[in-house]
Amino acid sequence: MKKVTALLAGLLFSLNALADAAATGKAIEEALNQRDVEALFRAMDVDAIAGLVMKDLGLNAADRESVRKGFARALRNNLDIGVRTIEGTKGTAKFLRSGARGAKPYALVRYDLGDQGIDYVEYYLTPPGKVEDWYVHSMATLYSTSARLGLATVFKTDSMLFSLFGTRLASDADAKPFRELRTALQAQDFAGAYRVLETFPESFRRTRQWVVMRVTYGARIDDATHRAALRHLAQSFGADADLQFMLIDHYLFEEQFDRALASLGALERAIGGEDAATANLRGSILIGARRFTDAEKACRRGMALEPDHEPAYWCLVSVGIGTRSGKIAVEGLKAYEAAFGTEFDLDKLGQLESYREIARTPEFAAWKKSRR
């Protein structure tokens, strides 16, 4: 009887934790979509986050107190940068699901960033349902890990850098690039940050974190830099399960579509299942591979999973254009109109280069006639 009671108590705790995670996830979604930095900040357990950032760094009491006093402002600034990133892409956030990593409940939020693609963030929660850390899937990095790098550049201690990266720095000159990187990132100078990375100690340039940072900053510079950084990532850490999301772009650039699909499957397993964005991405990969029948199924799956996910409709339209099928293209366009309460100017649409062949099909002509 005691075992049953304990089991039921554990189950109730788990259900309550997931409910708290769902509530927090929805609050984060609303705060991001409202561009409300203060509301996002209220979801954070500032002391818990600061404790994780400082954990095992060997800071003395005075330095710990200094970090504690300034951490709230630093965290708010970090959140503000995230909100401005979404605003800059006219993006949105969507809470997808709650779950648990071991005993730690989390809320999974998807960031839809327009031309900058998508991202998934797991927000890990304390028992009261506040955020104590988060994991950015596109960078395969915890916030606390990246924040420790910032602390290391502030306090300039060899012992701290060693505890972070397992590399012993021989001199102040070795530590200088870490400080220069922080300065470049504060100025949002990603080209400068990328150049600074090339001056890091050789031992650090062999680490996964260095390679991932190059991809992250390279993506903010230009296509050629991004591709080169991704190629290096694939060569150095291509088998790393945590990096498959990042590698999808590499395989698409290289037209290795089967590998891109395998990496997409790894991403879905990592985030606990498919959603409209991964279905749309699968459709896009399959269109590139000219597997149009499978692509059509993937696009329709995205529309069914989340009827408000615009890219899924354009995915289906792209299948129609790729196969010169007026039936499929017109169906996708009509579905978009119905879902989002809009109406296309069919005369102007038919004049666009990508739609000219579709505009000559019987299905498009019949649709145009029905509007008169």
Protein backbone atom coordinates (compact mmCIF):
# COMPACT_ATOMS: atom_id res chain seq x y z
CA MET A 1 0.00 0.00 0.00
CA LYS A 2 2.87 2.38 0.84
CA LYS A 3 4.45 1.74 -2.57
CA VAL A 4 1.15 2.48 -4.34
CA THR A 5 0.69 5.67 -2.32
CA ALA A 6 4.24 6.78 -3.12
CA LEU A 7 3.72 6.00 -6.81
CA LEU A 8 0.49 8.01 -6.91
CA ALA A 9 2.16 10.89 -5.08
CA GLY A 10 5.01 10.86 -7.60
CA LEU A 11 2.56 10.79 -10.50
CA LEU A 12 0.61 13.71 -9.04
CA PHE A 13 3.84 15.69 -8.60
CA SER A 14 4.79 14.99 -12.23
CA LEU A 15 1.39 16.08 -13.52
CA ASN A 16 1.52 19.26 -11.46
CA ALA A 17 5.05 19.99 -12.68
CA LEU A 18 3.98 19.56 -16.31
CA ALA A 19 0.96 21.80 -15.71
CA ASP A 20 3.26 24.47 -14.25
CA ALA A 21 5.58 24.07 -17.24
CA ALA A 22 2.68 24.50 -19.66
CA ALA A 23 1.53 27.65 -17.86
CA THR A 24 5.05 29.08 -17.93
CA GLY A 25 5.46 28.14 -21.60
CA LYS A 26 2.25 29.97 -22.51
CA ALA A 27 3.36 32.99 -20.48
CA ILE A 28 6.69 33.06 -22.33
CA GLU A 29 4.88 32.76 -25.68
CA GLU A 30 2.63 35.70 -24.83
CA ALA A 31 5.49 37.82 -23.53
CA LEU A 32 7.56 37.26 -26.68
CA ASN A 33 4.66 37.92 -29.02
CA GLN A 34 3.76 41.08 -27.10
CA ARG A 35 7.47 42.09 -27.11
CA ASP A 36 7.10 42.46 -23.34
CA VAL A 37 10.58 42.14 -21.82
CA GLU A 38 9.35 42.76 -18.29
CA ALA A 39 6.78 39.96 -18.51
CA LEU A 40 9.49 37.64 -19.82
CA PHE A 41 11.78 38.70 -16.98
CA ARG A 42 9.05 37.91 -14.43
CA ALA A 43 9.07 34.29 -15.64
CA MET A 44 12.72 33.98 -14.59
CA ASP A 45 14.12 32.83 -11.24
CA VAL A 46 17.03 35.27 -11.25
CA ASP A 47 18.79 33.85 -8.19
CA ALA A 48 18.55 30.27 -9.47
CA ILE A 49 19.93 31.25 -12.89
CA ALA A 50 22.77 33.21 -11.30
CA GLY A 51 23.58 30.25 -9.09
CA LEU A 52 23.86 27.92 -12.09
CA VAL A 53 26.02 30.39 -13.99
CA MET A 54 28.46 30.71 -11.07
CA LYS A 55 28.42 27.03 -10.12
CA ASP A 56 31.88 25.39 -9.86
CA LEU A 57 33.69 28.50 -11.14
CA GLY A 58 35.64 29.01 -7.94
CA LEU A 59 34.65 32.66 -7.49
CA ASN A 60 35.56 34.19 -4.15
CA ALA A 61 32.84 35.66 -1.94
CA ALA A 62 33.39 39.22 -3.15
CA ASP A 63 33.15 38.23 -6.82
CA ARG A 64 30.05 36.11 -6.19
CA GLU A 65 28.38 39.06 -4.52
CA SER A 66 29.41 41.32 -7.40
CA VAL A 67 27.86 38.93 -9.91
CA ARG A 68 24.71 38.54 -7.83
CA LYS A 69 24.17 42.30 -7.66
CA GLY A 70 24.62 42.90 -11.36
CA PHE A 71 23.08 39.73 -12.72
CA ALA A 72 19.45 40.89 -12.88
CA ARG A 73 20.37 43.77 -15.18
CA ALA A 74 22.57 41.54 -17.34
CA LEU A 75 19.80 38.96 -17.64
CA ARG A 76 17.22 41.60 -18.55
CA ASN A 77 19.58 42.91 -21.25
CA ASN A 78 19.96 39.39 -22.63
CA LEU A 79 16.19 38.93 -22.76
CA ASP A 80 15.82 42.32 -24.43
CA ILE A 81 18.23 41.25 -27.17
CA GLY A 82 16.14 38.11 -27.72
CA VAL A 83 12.93 40.11 -27.99
CA ARG A 84 14.56 42.58 -30.41
CA THR A 85 15.74 39.64 -32.53
CA ILE A 86 12.16 38.40 -32.88
CA GLU A 87 10.93 41.92 -33.57
CA GLY A 88 13.60 42.43 -36.22
CA THR A 89 12.40 39.36 -38.14
CA LYS A 90 8.71 40.14 -37.50
CA GLY A 91 8.75 36.72 -35.86
CA THR A 92 6.48 34.91 -33.46
CA ALA A 93 6.79 32.44 -30.62
CA LYS A 94 4.63 29.38 -29.95
CA PHE A 95 4.50 27.14 -26.90
CA LEU A 96 4.46 23.57 -28.20
CA ARG A 97 4.53 21.19 -25.25
CA SER A 98 5.77 20.53 -21.75
CA GLY A 99 8.02 17.63 -20.83
CA ALA A 100 10.81 16.53 -18.53
CA ARG A 101 14.55 15.89 -18.84
CA GLY A 102 15.21 13.48 -16.01
CA ALA A 103 13.39 15.06 -13.08
CA LYS A 104 13.53 18.56 -14.53
CA PRO A 105 10.29 19.85 -16.12
CA TYR A 106 10.56 22.09 -19.15
CA ALA A 107 8.45 24.12 -21.57
CA LEU A 108 9.30 23.89 -25.28
CA VAL A 109 8.81 27.11 -27.25
CA ARG A 110 9.30 27.45 -30.99
CA TYR A 111 10.62 30.69 -32.43
CA ASP A 112 9.45 31.43 -35.99
CA LEU A 113 11.93 33.99 -37.31
CA GLY A 114 10.85 34.61 -40.90
CA ASP A 115 13.77 34.44 -43.33
CA GLN A 116 16.05 33.51 -40.40
CA GLY A 117 14.27 30.17 -40.02
CA ILE A 118 13.09 28.51 -36.84
CA ASP A 119 14.50 27.71 -33.43
CA TYR A 120 13.42 25.63 -30.45
CA VAL A 121 14.14 26.58 -26.84
CA GLU A 122 13.60 24.36 -23.79
CA TYR A 123 13.00 26.41 -20.64
CA TYR A 124 13.86 24.39 -17.52
CA LEU A 125 11.84 25.16 -14.42
CA THR A 126 12.22 25.27 -10.67
CA PRO A 127 9.42 23.67 -8.54
CA PRO A 128 7.49 27.00 -8.36
CA GLY A 129 7.42 27.04 -12.17
CA LYS A 130 10.05 29.71 -12.74
CA VAL A 131 12.79 29.45 -15.38
CA GLU A 132 16.25 28.53 -14.09
CA ASP A 133 18.01 27.82 -17.40
CA TRP A 134 17.23 27.22 -21.06
CA TYR A 135 18.64 25.20 -23.92
CA VAL A 136 18.77 26.66 -27.45
CA HIS A 137 18.57 23.76 -29.91
CA SER A 138 20.01 25.70 -32.85
CA MET A 139 23.19 26.29 -30.84
CA ALA A 140 23.11 23.08 -28.76
CA THR A 141 23.97 25.27 -25.79
CA LEU A 142 22.54 26.13 -22.38
CA TYR A 143 22.18 29.79 -21.45
CA SER A 144 24.20 29.13 -18.30
CA THR A 145 27.10 27.82 -20.41
CA SER A 146 27.24 30.88 -22.65
CA ALA A 147 26.86 33.18 -19.64
CA ARG A 148 29.87 31.52 -17.98
CA LEU A 149 31.95 32.51 -20.99
CA GLY A 150 30.86 36.09 -20.37
CA LEU A 151 31.91 35.86 -16.73
CA ALA A 152 35.27 34.43 -17.71
CA THR A 153 35.97 37.43 -19.93
CA VAL A 154 34.97 39.80 -17.12
CA PHE A 155 37.04 38.26 -14.34
CA LYS A 156 39.96 37.32 -16.60
CA THR A 157 40.96 34.31 -14.49
CA ASP A 158 42.89 31.43 -15.96
CA SER A 159 41.34 29.02 -13.47
CA MET A 160 37.85 29.99 -14.55
CA LEU A 161 38.60 29.52 -18.23
CA PHE A 162 40.14 26.16 -17.45
CA SER A 163 37.03 25.04 -15.57
CA LEU A 164 34.89 26.09 -18.53
CA PHE A 165 36.87 24.73 -21.45
CA GLY A 166 39.43 22.33 -20.01
CA THR A 167 42.28 24.31 -21.49
CA ARG A 168 45.06 25.95 -19.52
CA LEU A 169 45.96 29.43 -20.74
CA ALA A 170 49.64 30.28 -20.67
CA SER A 171 49.42 34.04 -20.46
CA ASP A 172 47.20 37.11 -20.43
CA ALA A 173 47.61 37.18 -24.21
CA ASP A 174 45.76 33.85 -24.38
CA ALA A 175 42.87 35.32 -22.41
CA LYS A 176 42.71 38.49 -24.53
CA PRO A 177 40.58 36.98 -27.36
CA PHE A 178 37.87 36.03 -24.86
CA ARG A 179 37.59 39.64 -23.77
CA GLU A 180 37.63 40.92 -27.36
CA LEU A 181 34.85 38.47 -28.27
CA ARG A 182 32.69 39.84 -25.48
CA THR A 183 33.22 43.40 -26.73
CA ALA A 184 32.29 42.45 -30.30
CA LEU A 185 29.15 40.62 -29.23
CA GLN A 186 28.02 43.51 -27.04
CA ALA A 187 28.26 45.71 -30.15
CA GLN A 188 26.40 43.10 -32.24
CA ASP A 189 29.51 43.04 -34.46
CA PHE A 190 29.29 39.45 -35.69
CA ALA A 191 31.92 39.86 -38.39
CA GLY A 192 34.29 41.14 -35.72
CA ALA A 193 33.36 38.28 -33.39
CA TYR A 194 34.04 35.78 -36.18
CA ARG A 195 37.49 37.28 -36.78
CA VAL A 196 38.28 37.21 -33.07
CA LEU A 197 37.48 33.50 -32.92
CA GLU A 198 40.36 32.84 -35.31
CA THR A 199 42.77 34.24 -32.69
CA PHE A 200 41.63 31.90 -29.89
CA PRO A 201 44.16 29.48 -28.37
CA GLU A 202 44.68 26.41 -30.53
CA SER A 203 43.42 24.09 -27.79
CA PHE A 204 40.09 25.91 -27.68
CA ARG A 205 39.79 25.95 -31.49
CA ARG A 206 39.54 22.16 -31.32
CA THR A 207 36.45 22.26 -29.06
CA ARG A 208 32.86 21.80 -30.15
CA GLN A 209 31.87 25.12 -28.61
CA TRP A 210 34.34 27.05 -30.77
CA VAL A 211 33.09 25.37 -33.94
CA VAL A 212 29.45 26.01 -33.02
CA MET A 213 30.17 29.66 -32.24
CA ARG A 214 31.71 30.09 -35.72
CA VAL A 215 28.52 28.76 -37.32
CA THR A 216 26.32 31.00 -35.17
CA TYR A 217 28.25 34.18 -35.96
CA GLY A 218 28.92 33.18 -39.57
CA ALA A 219 25.19 32.91 -40.20
CA ARG A 220 24.89 36.59 -39.28
CA ILE A 221 27.55 37.67 -41.77
CA ASP A 222 26.95 36.24 -45.24
CA ASP A 223 26.10 33.02 -47.05
CA ALA A 224 29.67 32.09 -47.97
CA THR A 225 30.94 32.48 -44.39
CA HIS A 226 28.00 30.50 -43.04
CA ARG A 227 28.56 27.65 -45.50
CA ALA A 228 32.28 27.47 -44.74
CA ALA A 229 31.62 27.35 -40.99
CA LEU A 230 28.99 24.64 -41.46
CA ARG A 231 31.37 22.59 -43.59
CA HIS A 232 33.95 22.74 -40.79
CA LEU A 233 31.28 21.70 -38.29
CA ALA A 234 30.28 18.70 -40.40
CA GLN A 235 33.89 17.62 -40.81
CA SER A 236 34.70 17.97 -37.11
CA PHE A 237 31.49 17.00 -35.29
CA GLY A 238 29.12 15.67 -37.94
CA ALA A 239 28.19 12.61 -35.88
CA ASP A 240 27.23 14.63 -32.78
CA ALA A 241 23.53 14.03 -32.09
CA ASP A 242 23.06 17.46 -30.50
CA LEU A 243 24.23 19.27 -33.64
CA GLN A 244 21.92 17.70 -36.23
CA PHE A 245 19.57 20.69 -36.25
CA MET A 246 22.45 22.95 -37.17
CA LEU A 247 23.65 20.50 -39.83
CA ILE A 248 20.36 20.47 -41.76
CA ASP A 249 21.41 23.70 -43.50
CA HIS A 250 24.78 22.18 -44.41
CA TYR A 251 23.21 19.15 -46.03
CA LEU A 252 20.75 21.33 -47.93
CA PHE A 253 23.57 23.53 -49.21
CA GLU A 254 25.43 20.38 -50.31
CA GLU A 255 22.22 18.86 -51.76
CA GLN A 256 22.63 15.80 -49.54
CA PHE A 257 18.90 15.46 -49.08
CA ASP A 258 18.84 12.04 -47.42
CA ARG A 259 21.24 13.29 -44.77
CA ALA A 260 19.14 16.42 -44.30
CA LEU A 261 16.08 14.23 -43.71
CA ALA A 262 18.01 12.09 -41.22
CA SER A 263 19.09 15.20 -39.33
CA LEU A 264 15.52 16.48 -39.33
CA GLY A 265 14.40 13.19 -37.82
CA ALA A 266 17.02 13.62 -35.10
CA LEU A 267 15.71 17.11 -34.38
CA GLU A 268 12.14 15.82 -34.04
CA ARG A 269 13.29 13.16 -31.61
CA ALA A 270 15.16 15.79 -29.61
CA ILE A 271 12.14 18.08 -29.30
CA GLY A 272 9.65 15.30 -28.57
CA GLY A 273 7.90 14.96 -31.94
CA GLU A 274 6.89 16.73 -35.10
CA ASP A 275 5.15 20.07 -35.48
CA ALA A 276 4.05 22.19 -38.43
CA ALA A 277 7.50 23.74 -38.81
CA THR A 278 9.33 20.41 -39.03
CA ALA A 279 6.66 19.09 -41.42
CA ASN A 280 7.15 22.18 -43.58
CA LEU A 281 10.93 21.75 -43.44
CA ARG A 282 10.53 18.12 -44.47
CA GLY A 283 8.40 19.26 -47.40
CA SER A 284 11.03 21.79 -48.45
CA ILE A 285 13.80 19.18 -48.32
CA LEU A 286 11.72 16.76 -50.39
CA ILE A 287 10.95 19.47 -52.94
CA GLY A 288 14.70 20.03 -53.28
CA ALA A 289 15.10 16.29 -53.81
CA ARG A 290 12.25 16.43 -56.39
CA ARG A 291 10.29 13.86 -54.40
CA PHE A 292 7.11 15.80 -54.97
CA THR A 293 4.57 13.17 -53.90
CA ASP A 294 6.23 12.82 -50.51
CA ALA A 295 6.67 16.60 -50.31
CA GLU A 296 2.95 17.13 -50.87
CA LYS A 297 2.15 14.79 -47.98
CA ALA A 298 4.56 16.63 -45.69
CA CYS A 299 3.14 20.04 -46.60
CA ARG A 300 -0.42 18.85 -46.00
CA ARG A 301 0.70 17.38 -42.69
CA GLY A 302 1.98 20.78 -41.63
CA MET A 303 -1.31 22.44 -42.58
CA ALA A 304 -3.24 19.85 -40.58
CA LEU A 305 -1.01 20.07 -37.50
CA GLU A 306 -1.20 23.86 -37.25
CA PRO A 307 -3.75 25.53 -39.54
CA ASP A 308 -2.29 28.94 -38.62
CA HIS A 309 1.25 28.09 -39.78
CA GLU A 310 1.61 30.09 -43.00
CA PRO A 311 4.76 28.42 -44.42
CA ALA A 312 2.93 25.07 -44.67
CA TYR A 313 0.53 26.54 -47.25
CA TRP A 314 3.34 28.01 -49.31
CA CYS A 315 5.01 24.62 -49.11
CA LEU A 316 1.99 23.08 -50.87
CA VAL A 317 1.92 25.91 -53.43
CA SER A 318 5.61 25.24 -54.13
CA VAL A 319 4.80 21.59 -54.85
CA GLY A 320 2.21 22.76 -57.37
CA ILE A 321 4.70 25.11 -59.03
CA GLY A 322 7.44 22.46 -59.04
CA THR A 323 5.16 19.90 -60.69
CA ARG A 324 3.39 22.47 -62.87
CA SER A 325 0.15 21.31 -61.31
CA GLY A 326 -2.51 23.99 -61.39
CA LYS A 327 -4.72 21.76 -59.28
CA ILE A 328 -2.27 21.60 -56.35
CA ALA A 329 -1.09 25.21 -56.61
CA VAL A 330 -4.62 26.62 -56.75
CA GLU A 331 -5.69 24.38 -53.87
CA GLY A 332 -2.83 25.73 -51.75
CA LEU A 333 -3.59 29.34 -52.64
CA LYS A 334 -7.30 28.93 -51.93
CA ALA A 335 -6.55 27.24 -48.62
CA TYR A 336 -4.28 30.14 -47.68
CA GLU A 337 -7.00 32.67 -48.49
CA ALA A 338 -9.52 30.78 -46.37
CA ALA A 339 -7.14 30.31 -43.44
CA PHE A 340 -5.92 33.89 -43.24
CA GLY A 341 -8.88 35.90 -44.49
CA THR A 342 -7.15 37.41 -47.50
CA GLU A 343 -7.73 37.52 -51.25
CA PHE A 344 -5.06 37.44 -53.94
CA ASP A 345 -5.15 39.67 -57.02
CA LEU A 346 -5.13 36.87 -59.58
CA ASP A 347 -4.19 39.16 -62.49
CA LYS A 348 -1.07 40.36 -60.68
CA LEU A 349 -0.31 36.88 -59.33
CA GLY A 350 -0.41 35.38 -62.82
CA GLN A 351 2.10 37.95 -64.05
CA LEU A 352 4.75 36.88 -61.53
CA GLU A 353 7.45 34.78 -63.18
CA SER A 354 7.10 31.83 -60.79
CA TYR A 355 3.33 31.66 -61.42
CA ARG A 356 3.21 32.13 -65.19
CA GLU A 357 2.96 28.45 -66.03
CA ILE A 358 0.38 27.88 -63.30
CA ALA A 359 -1.64 30.84 -64.62
CA ARG A 360 -1.99 29.05 -67.97
CA THR A 361 -3.59 25.94 -66.43
CA PRO A 362 -7.34 25.22 -66.64
CA GLU A 363 -7.61 25.22 -62.84
CA PHE A 364 -6.20 28.73 -62.53
CA ALA A 365 -8.37 29.98 -65.40
CA ALA A 366 -11.49 28.53 -63.76
CA TRP A 367 -10.57 30.13 -60.42
CA LYS A 368 -10.03 33.47 -62.13
CA LYS A 369 -13.37 33.18 -63.94
CA SER A 370 -15.19 32.46 -60.67
CA ARG A 371 -14.03 35.83 -59.31
CA ARG A 372 -15.81 37.87 -62.02
